PDB file of N, CA and C in Angstrom:
ATOM      1  N   UNK A   1       3.274  -5.338  -4.321  1.00  0.00           N
ATOM      2  CA  UNK A   1       3.292  -5.094  -2.895  1.00  0.00           C
ATOM      3  C   UNK A   1       2.085  -4.211  -2.559  1.00  0.00           C
ATOM      4  N   UNK A   2       1.479  -4.475  -1.431  1.00  0.00           N
ATOM      5  CA  UNK A   2       0.349  -3.695  -0.970  1.00  0.00           C
ATOM      6  C   UNK A   2       0.833  -2.563  -0.075  1.00  0.00           C
ATOM      7  N   UNK A   3       0.331  -1.347  -0.335  1.00  0.00           N
ATOM      8  CA  UNK A   3       0.676  -0.171   0.456  1.00  0.00           C
ATOM      9  C   UNK A   3      -0.618   0.420   1.002  1.00  0.00           C
ATOM     10  N   UNK A   4      -0.654   0.653   2.312  1.00  0.00           N
ATOM     11  CA  UNK A   4      -1.817   1.269   2.960  1.00  0.00           C
ATOM     12  C   UNK A   4      -1.408   2.661   3.413  1.00  0.00           C
ATOM     13  N   UNK A   5      -2.218   3.669   3.064  1.00  0.00           N
ATOM     14  CA  UNK A   5      -1.925   5.050   3.404  1.00  0.00           C
ATOM     15  C   UNK A   5      -3.078   5.602   4.222  1.00  0.00           C
ATOM     16  N   UNK A   6      -2.765   6.044   5.430  1.00  0.00           N
ATOM     17  CA  UNK A   6      -3.751   6.687   6.279  1.00  0.00           C
ATOM     18  C   UNK A   6      -3.668   8.197   6.086  1.00  0.00           C
ATOM     19  N   UNK A   7      -4.816   8.825   5.889  1.00  0.00           N
ATOM     20  CA  UNK A   7      -4.888  10.267   5.675  1.00  0.00           C
ATOM     21  C   UNK A   7      -5.522  10.903   6.909  1.00  0.00           C
ATOM     22  N   UNK A   8      -4.946  12.012   7.364  1.00  0.00           N
ATOM     23  CA  UNK A   8      -5.474  12.705   8.540  1.00  0.00           C
ATOM     24  C   UNK A   8      -6.936  13.084   8.317  1.00  0.00           C
ATOM     25  N   UNK A   9      -7.744  12.919   9.336  1.00  0.00           N
ATOM     26  CA  UNK A   9      -9.170  13.268   9.351  1.00  0.00           C
ATOM     27  C   UNK A   9     -10.022  12.452   8.380  1.00  0.00           C
ATOM     28  N   UNK A  10      -9.490  11.364   7.852  1.00  0.00           N
ATOM     29  CA  UNK A  10     -10.254  10.476   6.969  1.00  0.00           C
ATOM     30  C   UNK A  10     -10.300   9.110   7.649  1.00  0.00           C
ATOM     31  N   UNK A  11     -11.495   8.578   7.914  1.00  0.00           N
ATOM     32  CA  UNK A  11     -11.584   7.326   8.669  1.00  0.00           C
ATOM     33  C   UNK A  11     -11.098   6.083   7.926  1.00  0.00           C
ATOM     34  N   UNK A  12     -11.107   6.100   6.588  1.00  0.00           N
ATOM     35  CA  UNK A  12     -10.680   4.916   5.831  1.00  0.00           C
ATOM     36  C   UNK A  12      -9.295   5.145   5.252  1.00  0.00           C
ATOM     37  N   UNK A  13      -8.557   4.064   5.115  1.00  0.00           N
ATOM     38  CA  UNK A  13      -7.231   4.157   4.528  1.00  0.00           C
ATOM     39  C   UNK A  13      -7.297   3.873   3.035  1.00  0.00           C
ATOM     40  N   UNK A  14      -6.283   4.332   2.310  1.00  0.00           N
ATOM     41  CA  UNK A  14      -6.155   4.049   0.887  1.00  0.00           C
ATOM     42  C   UNK A  14      -5.272   2.820   0.754  1.00  0.00           C
ATOM     43  N   UNK A  15      -5.699   1.855  -0.033  1.00  0.00           N
ATOM     44  CA  UNK A  15      -4.923   0.635  -0.253  1.00  0.00           C
ATOM     45  C   UNK A  15      -4.565   0.576  -1.730  1.00  0.00           C
ATOM     46  N   UNK A  16      -3.257   0.462  -2.010  1.00  0.00           N
ATOM     47  CA  UNK A  16      -2.773   0.457  -3.389  1.00  0.00           C
ATOM     48  C   UNK A  16      -1.866  -0.747  -3.592  1.00  0.00           C
ATOM     49  N   UNK A  17      -2.052  -1.461  -4.702  1.00  0.00           N
ATOM     50  CA  UNK A  17      -1.130  -2.512  -5.124  1.00  0.00           C
ATOM     51  C   UNK A  17      -0.132  -1.862  -6.065  1.00  0.00           C
ATOM     52  N   UNK A  18       1.146  -1.966  -5.770  1.00  0.00           N
ATOM     53  CA  UNK A  18       2.174  -1.342  -6.583  1.00  0.00           C
ATOM     54  C   UNK A  18       3.281  -2.337  -6.915  1.00  0.00           C
ATOM     55  N   UNK A  19       3.988  -2.046  -7.993  1.00  0.00           N
ATOM     56  CA  UNK A  19       5.133  -2.873  -8.365  1.00  0.00           C
ATOM     57  C   UNK A  19       6.421  -2.319  -7.771  1.00  0.00           C
ATOM     58  N   UNK A  20       6.340  -1.175  -7.094  1.00  0.00           N
ATOM     59  CA  UNK A  20       7.515  -0.567  -6.469  1.00  0.00           C
ATOM     60  C   UNK A  20       7.995  -1.424  -5.301  1.00  0.00           C
ATOM     61  N   UNK A  21       9.288  -1.350  -5.034  1.00  0.00           N
ATOM     62  CA  UNK A  21       9.849  -2.073  -3.897  1.00  0.00           C
ATOM     63  C   UNK A  21       9.631  -1.260  -2.621  1.00  0.00           C
ATOM     64  N   UNK A  22       9.834  -1.887  -1.486  1.00  0.00           N
ATOM     65  CA  UNK A  22       9.695  -1.193  -0.203  1.00  0.00           C
ATOM     66  C   UNK A  22      10.686  -0.039  -0.106  1.00  0.00           C
ATOM     67  N   UNK A  23      11.910  -0.230  -0.608  1.00  0.00           N
ATOM     68  CA  UNK A  23      12.909   0.840  -0.576  1.00  0.00           C
ATOM     69  C   UNK A  23      12.486   2.025  -1.431  1.00  0.00           C
ATOM     70  N   UNK A  24      11.900   1.770  -2.600  1.00  0.00           N
ATOM     71  CA  UNK A  24      11.442   2.855  -3.471  1.00  0.00           C
ATOM     72  C   UNK A  24      10.302   3.640  -2.828  1.00  0.00           C
ATOM     73  N   UNK A  25       9.376   2.936  -2.191  1.00  0.00           N
ATOM     74  CA  UNK A  25       8.262   3.601  -1.511  1.00  0.00           C
ATOM     75  C   UNK A  25       8.795   4.465  -0.369  1.00  0.00           C
ATOM     76  N   UNK A  26       9.729   3.918   0.408  1.00  0.00           N
ATOM     77  CA  UNK A  26      10.292   4.662   1.532  1.00  0.00           C
ATOM     78  C   UNK A  26      11.047   5.908   1.059  1.00  0.00           C
ATOM     79  N   UNK A  27      11.839   5.782   0.000  1.00  0.00           N
ATOM     80  CA  UNK A  27      12.575   6.944  -0.527  1.00  0.00           C
ATOM     81  C   UNK A  27      11.618   8.023  -1.016  1.00  0.00           C
ATOM     82  N   UNK A  28      10.582   7.617  -1.735  1.00  0.00           N
ATOM     83  CA  UNK A  28       9.601   8.570  -2.254  1.00  0.00           C
ATOM     84  C   UNK A  28       8.861   9.279  -1.120  1.00  0.00           C
ATOM     85  N   UNK A  29       8.490   8.516  -0.094  1.00  0.00           N
ATOM     86  CA  UNK A  29       7.795   9.094   1.053  1.00  0.00           C
ATOM     87  C   UNK A  29       8.694  10.062   1.809  1.00  0.00           C
ATOM     88  N   UNK A  30       9.947   9.670   2.046  1.00  0.00           N
ATOM     89  CA  UNK A  30      10.896  10.528   2.761  1.00  0.00           C
ATOM     90  C   UNK A  30      11.123  11.837   2.005  1.00  0.00           C
ATOM     91  N   UNK A  31      11.291  11.755   0.687  1.00  0.00           N
ATOM     92  CA  UNK A  31      11.496  12.954  -0.122  1.00  0.00           C
ATOM     93  C   UNK A  31      10.271  13.869  -0.072  1.00  0.00           C
ATOM     94  N   UNK A  32       9.074  13.290  -0.134  1.00  0.00           N
ATOM     95  CA  UNK A  32       7.846  14.087  -0.107  1.00  0.00           C
ATOM     96  C   UNK A  32       7.668  14.787   1.233  1.00  0.00           C
ATOM     97  N   UNK A  33       7.945  14.083   2.315  1.00  0.00           N
ATOM     98  CA  UNK A  33       7.795  14.673   3.649  1.00  0.00           C
ATOM     99  C   UNK A  33       8.849  15.761   3.872  1.00  0.00           C
ATOM    100  N   UNK A  34      10.070  15.510   3.431  1.00  0.00           N
ATOM    101  CA  UNK A  34      11.154  16.481   3.591  1.00  0.00           C
ATOM    102  C   UNK A  34      10.880  17.753   2.795  1.00  0.00           C
ATOM    103  N   UNK A  35      10.406  17.599   1.558  1.00  0.00           N
ATOM    104  CA  UNK A  35      10.147  18.747   0.686  1.00  0.00           C
ATOM    105  C   UNK A  35       8.792  19.389   0.941  1.00  0.00           C
ATOM    106  N   UNK A  36       7.916  18.691   1.639  1.00  0.00           N
ATOM    107  CA  UNK A  36       6.572  19.213   1.875  1.00  0.00           C
ATOM    108  C   UNK A  36       5.710  19.163   0.617  1.00  0.00           C
ATOM    109  N   UNK A  37       6.038  18.260  -0.287  1.00  0.00           N
ATOM    110  CA  UNK A  37       5.326  18.164  -1.564  1.00  0.00           C
ATOM    111  C   UNK A  37       4.319  17.052  -1.587  1.00  0.00           C
ATOM    112  N   UNK A  38       4.234  16.396  -2.732  1.00  0.00           N
ATOM    113  CA  UNK A  38       3.291  15.310  -2.942  1.00  0.00           C
ATOM    114  C   UNK A  38       3.996  13.965  -2.874  1.00  0.00           C
ATOM    115  N   UNK A  39       3.344  13.016  -2.222  1.00  0.00           N
ATOM    116  CA  UNK A  39       3.811  11.636  -2.221  1.00  0.00           C
ATOM    117  C   UNK A  39       3.175  10.977  -3.437  1.00  0.00           C
ATOM    118  N   UNK A  40       4.003  10.523  -4.373  1.00  0.00           N
ATOM    119  CA  UNK A  40       3.526   9.898  -5.611  1.00  0.00           C
ATOM    120  C   UNK A  40       3.807   8.405  -5.563  1.00  0.00           C
ATOM    121  N   UNK A  41       2.814   7.624  -5.946  1.00  0.00           N
ATOM    122  CA  UNK A  41       2.955   6.174  -5.947  1.00  0.00           C
ATOM    123  C   UNK A  41       2.226   5.620  -7.159  1.00  0.00           C
ATOM    124  N   UNK A  42       2.960   4.879  -8.007  1.00  0.00           N
ATOM    125  CA  UNK A  42       2.355   4.258  -9.185  1.00  0.00           C
ATOM    126  C   UNK A  42       1.679   2.962  -8.769  1.00  0.00           C
ATOM    127  N   UNK A  43       0.461   2.755  -9.258  1.00  0.00           N
ATOM    128  CA  UNK A  43      -0.221   1.506  -8.935  1.00  0.00           C
ATOM    129  C   UNK A  43       0.099   0.461  -9.992  1.00  0.00           C
ATOM    130  N   UNK A  44      -0.344  -0.739  -9.774  1.00  0.00           N
ATOM    131  CA  UNK A  44      -0.036  -1.852 -10.663  1.00  0.00           C
ATOM    132  C   UNK A  44      -0.779  -1.812 -11.989  1.00  0.00           C
ATOM    133  N   UNK A  45      -1.729  -0.893 -12.160  1.00  0.00           N
ATOM    134  CA  UNK A  45      -2.533  -0.810 -13.384  1.00  0.00           C
ATOM    135  C   UNK A  45      -2.107   0.353 -14.273  1.00  0.00           C
ATOM    136  N   UNK A  46      -0.990   0.988 -13.955  1.00  0.00           N
ATOM    137  CA  UNK A  46      -0.500   2.093 -14.770  1.00  0.00           C
ATOM    138  C   UNK A  46      -0.971   3.460 -14.308  1.00  0.00           C
ATOM    139  N   UNK A  47      -1.730   3.525 -13.238  1.00  0.00           N
ATOM    140  CA  UNK A  47      -2.187   4.796 -12.703  1.00  0.00           C
ATOM    141  C   UNK A  47      -1.192   5.343 -11.687  1.00  0.00           C
ATOM    142  N   UNK A  48      -1.466   6.529 -11.190  1.00  0.00           N
ATOM    143  CA  UNK A  48      -0.588   7.138 -10.195  1.00  0.00           C
ATOM    144  C   UNK A  48      -1.435   7.794  -9.113  1.00  0.00           C
ATOM    145  N   UNK A  49      -1.034   7.596  -7.869  1.00  0.00           N
ATOM    146  CA  UNK A  49      -1.694   8.169  -6.714  1.00  0.00           C
ATOM    147  C   UNK A  49      -0.837   9.312  -6.191  1.00  0.00           C
ATOM    148  N   UNK A  50      -1.435  10.478  -5.973  1.00  0.00           N
ATOM    149  CA  UNK A  50      -0.734  11.632  -5.425  1.00  0.00           C
ATOM    150  C   UNK A  50      -1.426  12.055  -4.141  1.00  0.00           C
ATOM    151  N   UNK A  51      -0.657  12.142  -3.060  1.00  0.00           N
ATOM    152  CA  UNK A  51      -1.201  12.524  -1.762  1.00  0.00           C
ATOM    153  C   UNK A  51      -0.329  13.643  -1.184  1.00  0.00           C
ATOM    154  N   UNK A  52      -0.925  14.747  -0.721  1.00  0.00           N
ATOM    155  CA  UNK A  52      -0.118  15.791  -0.077  1.00  0.00           C
ATOM    156  C   UNK A  52       0.591  15.216   1.150  1.00  0.00           C
ATOM    157  N   UNK A  53       1.895  15.380   1.208  1.00  0.00           N
ATOM    158  CA  UNK A  53       2.695  14.771   2.273  1.00  0.00           C
ATOM    159  C   UNK A  53       2.276  15.251   3.655  1.00  0.00           C
ATOM    160  N   UNK A  54       1.826  16.502   3.770  1.00  0.00           N
ATOM    161  CA  UNK A  54       1.458  17.019   5.088  1.00  0.00           C
ATOM    162  C   UNK A  54       0.131  16.475   5.601  1.00  0.00           C
ATOM    163  N   UNK A  55      -0.600  15.733   4.771  1.00  0.00           N
ATOM    164  CA  UNK A  55      -1.883  15.127   5.179  1.00  0.00           C
ATOM    165  C   UNK A  55      -1.760  13.647   5.510  1.00  0.00           C
ATOM    166  N   UNK A  56      -0.570  13.068   5.314  1.00  0.00           N
ATOM    167  CA  UNK A  56      -0.379  11.644   5.557  1.00  0.00           C
ATOM    168  C   UNK A  56      -0.235  11.379   7.051  1.00  0.00           C
ATOM    169  N   UNK A  57      -1.047  10.475   7.564  1.00  0.00           N
ATOM    170  CA  UNK A  57      -0.958  10.085   8.971  1.00  0.00           C
ATOM    171  C   UNK A  57       0.007   8.917   9.135  1.00  0.00           C
ATOM    172  N   UNK A  58      -0.051   7.934   8.217  1.00  0.00           N
ATOM    173  CA  UNK A  58       0.856   6.786   8.260  1.00  0.00           C
ATOM    174  C   UNK A  58       0.889   6.117   6.903  1.00  0.00           C
ATOM    175  N   UNK A  59       1.950   5.365   6.666  1.00  0.00           N
ATOM    176  CA  UNK A  59       2.074   4.525   5.475  1.00  0.00           C
ATOM    177  C   UNK A  59       2.545   3.167   5.950  1.00  0.00           C
ATOM    178  N   UNK A  60       1.816   2.140   5.569  1.00  0.00           N
ATOM    179  CA  UNK A  60       2.159   0.768   5.952  1.00  0.00           C
ATOM    180  C   UNK A  60       2.434  -0.028   4.685  1.00  0.00           C
ATOM    181  N   UNK A  61       3.597  -0.627   4.620  1.00  0.00           N
ATOM    182  CA  UNK A  61       3.924  -1.455   3.468  1.00  0.00           C
ATOM    183  C   UNK A  61       4.771  -2.614   3.929  1.00  0.00           C
ATOM    184  N   UNK A  62       4.723  -3.670   3.144  1.00  0.00           N
ATOM    185  CA  UNK A  62       5.455  -4.867   3.537  1.00  0.00           C
ATOM    186  C   UNK A  62       5.927  -5.624   2.333  1.00  0.00           C
ATOM    187  N   UNK A  63       6.148  -6.914   2.525  1.00  0.00           N
ATOM    188  CA  UNK A  63       6.669  -7.768   1.472  1.00  0.00           C
ATOM    189  C   UNK A  63       5.638  -8.084   0.422  1.00  0.00           C
ATOM    190  N   UNK A  64       5.992  -9.010  -0.433  1.00  0.00           N
ATOM    191  CA  UNK A  64       5.136  -9.414  -1.537  1.00  0.00           C
ATOM    192  C   UNK A  64       4.311 -10.641  -1.191  1.00  0.00           C
ATOM    193  N   UNK A  65       3.816 -10.734   0.028  1.00  0.00           N
ATOM    194  CA  UNK A  65       3.017 -11.882   0.437  1.00  0.00           C
ATOM    195  C   UNK A  65       1.712 -11.916  -0.339  1.00  0.00           C
ATOM    196  N   UNK A  66       1.331 -13.091  -0.748  1.00  0.00           N
ATOM    197  CA  UNK A  66       0.051 -13.252  -1.435  1.00  0.00           C
ATOM    198  C   UNK A  66      -1.079 -13.108  -0.425  1.00  0.00           C
ATOM    199  N   UNK A  67      -2.176 -12.563  -0.893  1.00  0.00           N
ATOM    200  CA  UNK A  67      -3.332 -12.414  -0.008  1.00  0.00           C
ATOM    201  C   UNK A  67      -3.937 -13.783   0.277  1.00  0.00           C
ATOM    202  N   UNK A  68      -4.409 -13.952   1.480  1.00  0.00           N
ATOM    203  CA  UNK A  68      -5.063 -15.202   1.847  1.00  0.00           C
ATOM    204  C   UNK A  68      -6.562 -15.048   1.652  1.00  0.00           C
ATOM    205  N   UNK A  69      -7.154 -16.081   1.138  1.00  0.00           N
ATOM    206  CA  UNK A  69      -8.593 -16.057   0.890  1.00  0.00           C
ATOM    207  C   UNK A  69      -9.224 -17.182   1.690  1.00  0.00           C
ATOM    208  N   UNK A  70     -10.331 -16.896   2.319  1.00  0.00           N
ATOM    209  CA  UNK A  70     -11.037 -17.919   3.076  1.00  0.00           C
ATOM    210  C   UNK A  70     -10.435 -18.122   4.450  1.00  0.00           C
ATOM    211  N   UNK A  71     -10.569 -19.318   4.962  1.00  0.00           N
ATOM    212  CA  UNK A  71     -10.139 -19.620   6.313  1.00  0.00           C
ATOM    213  C   UNK A  71      -8.834 -20.403   6.350  1.00  0.00           C
ATOM    214  N   UNK A  72      -8.237 -20.625   5.210  1.00  0.00           N
ATOM    215  CA  UNK A  72      -6.959 -21.325   5.172  1.00  0.00           C
ATOM    216  C   UNK A  72      -7.058 -22.829   5.268  1.00  0.00           C
ATOM    217  N   UNK A  73      -8.244 -23.365   5.175  1.00  0.00           N
ATOM    218  CA  UNK A  73      -8.433 -24.810   5.258  1.00  0.00           C
ATOM    219  C   UNK A  73      -8.639 -25.371   3.858  1.00  0.00           C
ATOM    220  N   UNK A  74      -7.879 -26.371   3.522  1.00  0.00           N
ATOM    221  CA  UNK A  74      -8.049 -27.017   2.229  1.00  0.00           C
ATOM    222  C   UNK A  74      -8.486 -28.451   2.452  1.00  0.00           C
ATOM    223  N   UNK A  75      -9.393 -28.875   1.653  1.00  0.00           N
ATOM    224  CA  UNK A  75      -9.868 -30.254   1.764  1.00  0.00           C
ATOM    225  C   UNK A  75      -9.440 -30.978   0.496  1.00  0.00           C
ATOM    226  N   UNK A  76      -8.762 -32.093   0.669  1.00  0.00           N
ATOM    227  CA  UNK A  76      -8.405 -32.896  -0.492  1.00  0.00           C
ATOM    228  C   UNK A  76      -9.006 -34.284  -0.311  1.00  0.00           C
ATOM    229  N   UNK A  77      -9.362 -34.869  -1.403  1.00  0.00           N
ATOM    230  CA  UNK A  77      -9.965 -36.200  -1.330  1.00  0.00           C
ATOM    231  C   UNK A  77     -11.470 -36.118  -1.405  1.00  0.00           C
ATOM    232  N   UNK A  78     -12.129 -37.241  -1.262  1.00  0.00           N
ATOM    233  CA  UNK A  78     -13.593 -37.271  -1.364  1.00  0.00           C
ATOM    234  C   UNK A  78     -14.240 -36.592  -0.151  1.00  0.00           C
ATOM    235  N   UNK A  79     -15.354 -35.961  -0.421  1.00  0.00           N
ATOM    236  CA  UNK A  79     -16.088 -35.313   0.652  1.00  0.00           C
ATOM    237  C   UNK A  79     -16.967 -36.336   1.368  1.00  0.00           C
ATOM    238  N   UNK A  80     -17.089 -36.231   2.674  1.00  0.00           N
ATOM    239  CA  UNK A  80     -17.913 -37.208   3.414  1.00  0.00           C
ATOM    240  C   UNK A  80     -19.379 -37.046   3.147  1.00  0.00           C
TER     241      UNK A  80
END
């Protein structure tokens, strides 16, 4: 699943691919914000991302949709 994290005063967002479910990400984020600690998120390569909860502007996460590449047009058959 792809997770996008916006950090206050930083123009670019952090994008992480994780194996965590949406519920796990939400629980971890809620706990970090409530405790005022660090939001921890494991990435798909075995690494871990730590972000101070008080610096998070937003977190966007969704389903396990595959990324689309190109314009979505497929050509089958002989080319003209």
